Amino acid sequence: MALIGWFLSFVGLFAGLALRQDMPTGGSASLSILLIGFAILACPMVWRGKPFGISRGQRIVAALILICAVPLVLLPAA
């Protein structure tokens, strides 16, 4: 589970930083913030010892929910 956390953390961090560098569309700023937040949620080193009572599995599930919510951020506002 820690290996999945590290992998997701690096993917989220690099994707957020790459999006922050390019900023191609209007919603990319909020999407990059979500991806960097995702990287913090998935990082096992930051959350060693269960601060705030959040387990590793709950963090991974929250990170996966952020991934699944990405299309909602990219929808145009009507």
C-alpha atoms as a PDB file:
ATOM      1  CA  MET A   1       0.000   0.000   0.000  1.00  0.00           C
ATOM      2  CA  ALA A   2       2.898   2.367   0.712  1.00  0.00           C
ATOM      3  CA  LEU A   3       4.299   1.733  -2.768  1.00  0.00           C
ATOM      4  CA  ILE A   4       0.947   2.716  -4.282  1.00  0.00           C
ATOM      5  CA  GLY A   5       0.978   5.841  -2.123  1.00  0.00           C
ATOM      6  CA  TRP A   6       4.462   6.821  -3.286  1.00  0.00           C
ATOM      7  CA  PHE A   7       3.578   6.176  -6.913  1.00  0.00           C
ATOM      8  CA  LEU A   8       0.360   8.207  -6.735  1.00  0.00           C
ATOM      9  CA  SER A   9       2.127  10.967  -4.848  1.00  0.00           C
ATOM     10  CA  PHE A  10       4.829  11.401  -7.483  1.00  0.00           C
ATOM     11  CA  VAL A  11       2.328  11.196 -10.341  1.00  0.00           C
ATOM     12  CA  GLY A  12       0.105  13.835  -8.752  1.00  0.00           C
ATOM     13  CA  LEU A  13       2.999  16.131  -7.900  1.00  0.00           C
ATOM     14  CA  PHE A  14       4.588  16.008 -11.343  1.00  0.00           C
ATOM     15  CA  ALA A  15       1.218  16.361 -13.094  1.00  0.00           C
ATOM     16  CA  GLY A  16       0.313  19.368 -10.934  1.00  0.00           C
ATOM     17  CA  LEU A  17       3.676  21.033 -11.498  1.00  0.00           C
ATOM     18  CA  ALA A  18       3.546  20.385 -15.265  1.00  0.00           C
ATOM     19  CA  LEU A  19       0.046  21.824 -15.451  1.00  0.00           C
ATOM     20  CA  ARG A  20       1.124  24.815 -13.353  1.00  0.00           C
ATOM     21  CA  GLN A  21       3.993  25.387 -15.822  1.00  0.00           C
ATOM     22  CA  ASP A  22       1.839  25.256 -18.978  1.00  0.00           C
ATOM     23  CA  MET A  23      -1.638  26.547 -17.875  1.00  0.00           C
ATOM     24  CA  PRO A  24      -3.366  25.856 -21.234  1.00  0.00           C
ATOM     25  CA  THR A  25      -7.036  26.339 -20.236  1.00  0.00           C
ATOM     26  CA  GLY A  26      -9.123  28.375 -17.807  1.00  0.00           C
ATOM     27  CA  GLY A  27      -9.654  25.608 -15.231  1.00  0.00           C
ATOM     28  CA  SER A  28      -6.062  24.451 -15.149  1.00  0.00           C
ATOM     29  CA  ALA A  29      -5.157  26.545 -12.089  1.00  0.00           C
ATOM     30  CA  SER A  30      -7.734  24.814  -9.904  1.00  0.00           C
ATOM     31  CA  LEU A  31      -6.859  21.453 -11.423  1.00  0.00           C
ATOM     32  CA  SER A  32      -3.166  21.905 -10.631  1.00  0.00           C
ATOM     33  CA  ILE A  33      -4.026  22.808  -7.024  1.00  0.00           C
ATOM     34  CA  LEU A  34      -6.158  19.649  -6.779  1.00  0.00           C
ATOM     35  CA  LEU A  35      -3.317  17.531  -8.144  1.00  0.00           C
ATOM     36  CA  ILE A  36      -0.776  18.966  -5.708  1.00  0.00           C
ATOM     37  CA  GLY A  37      -3.262  18.406  -2.869  1.00  0.00           C
ATOM     38  CA  PHE A  38      -3.661  14.868  -4.133  1.00  0.00           C
ATOM     39  CA  ALA A  39       0.111  14.425  -3.945  1.00  0.00           C
ATOM     40  CA  ILE A  40       0.110  15.541  -0.304  1.00  0.00           C
ATOM     41  CA  LEU A  41      -2.775  13.205   0.529  1.00  0.00           C
ATOM     42  CA  ALA A  42      -1.032  10.218  -1.058  1.00  0.00           C
ATOM     43  CA  CYS A  43       2.479  10.801   0.330  1.00  0.00           C
ATOM     44  CA  PRO A  44       3.290   8.136   2.961  1.00  0.00           C
ATOM     45  CA  MET A  45       6.236  10.081   4.430  1.00  0.00           C
ATOM     46  CA  VAL A  46       4.100  13.083   5.390  1.00  0.00           C
ATOM     47  CA  TRP A  47       1.394  10.975   7.027  1.00  0.00           C
ATOM     48  CA  ARG A  48       3.517   8.465   8.953  1.00  0.00           C
ATOM     49  CA  GLY A  49       1.955   7.991  12.389  1.00  0.00           C
ATOM     50  CA  LYS A  50      -1.689   8.798  11.558  1.00  0.00           C
ATOM     51  CA  PRO A  51      -1.998  12.518  12.284  1.00  0.00           C
ATOM     52  CA  PHE A  52      -5.628  13.665  12.550  1.00  0.00           C
ATOM     53  CA  GLY A  53      -6.696   9.999  12.848  1.00  0.00           C
ATOM     54  CA  ILE A  54      -6.585   9.438   9.082  1.00  0.00           C
ATOM     55  CA  SER A  55      -5.368   5.991   8.051  1.00  0.00           C
ATOM     56  CA  ARG A  56      -3.315   5.206   4.973  1.00  0.00           C
ATOM     57  CA  GLY A  57      -6.243   3.520   3.242  1.00  0.00           C
ATOM     58  CA  GLN A  58      -8.471   6.559   3.772  1.00  0.00           C
ATOM     59  CA  ARG A  59      -5.828   8.819   2.242  1.00  0.00           C
ATOM     60  CA  ILE A  60      -5.452   6.570  -0.802  1.00  0.00           C
ATOM     61  CA  VAL A  61      -9.234   6.478  -1.282  1.00  0.00           C
ATOM     62  CA  ALA A  62      -9.411  10.284  -0.991  1.00  0.00           C
ATOM     63  CA  ALA A  63      -6.653  10.584  -3.588  1.00  0.00           C
ATOM     64  CA  LEU A  64      -8.505   8.252  -5.956  1.00  0.00           C
ATOM     65  CA  ILE A  65     -11.677  10.320  -5.471  1.00  0.00           C
ATOM     66  CA  LEU A  66      -9.684  13.406  -6.504  1.00  0.00           C
ATOM     67  CA  ILE A  67      -8.549  11.587  -9.658  1.00  0.00           C
ATOM     68  CA  CYS A  68     -12.131  10.638 -10.499  1.00  0.00           C
ATOM     69  CA  ALA A  69     -13.303  14.234  -9.887  1.00  0.00           C
ATOM     70  CA  VAL A  70     -10.891  15.712 -12.443  1.00  0.00           C
ATOM     71  CA  PRO A  71     -13.445  15.571 -15.313  1.00  0.00           C
ATOM     72  CA  LEU A  72     -15.889  17.583 -13.179  1.00  0.00           C
ATOM     73  CA  VAL A  73     -13.326  20.374 -12.818  1.00  0.00           C
ATOM     74  CA  LEU A  74     -12.732  20.439 -16.553  1.00  0.00           C
ATOM     75  CA  LEU A  75     -16.439  20.830 -17.465  1.00  0.00           C
ATOM     76  CA  PRO A  76     -17.234  24.287 -18.760  1.00  0.00           C
ATOM     77  CA  ALA A  77     -19.332  26.466 -16.494  1.00  0.00           C
ATOM     78  CA  ALA A  78     -22.694  27.194 -18.054  1.00  0.00           C
END
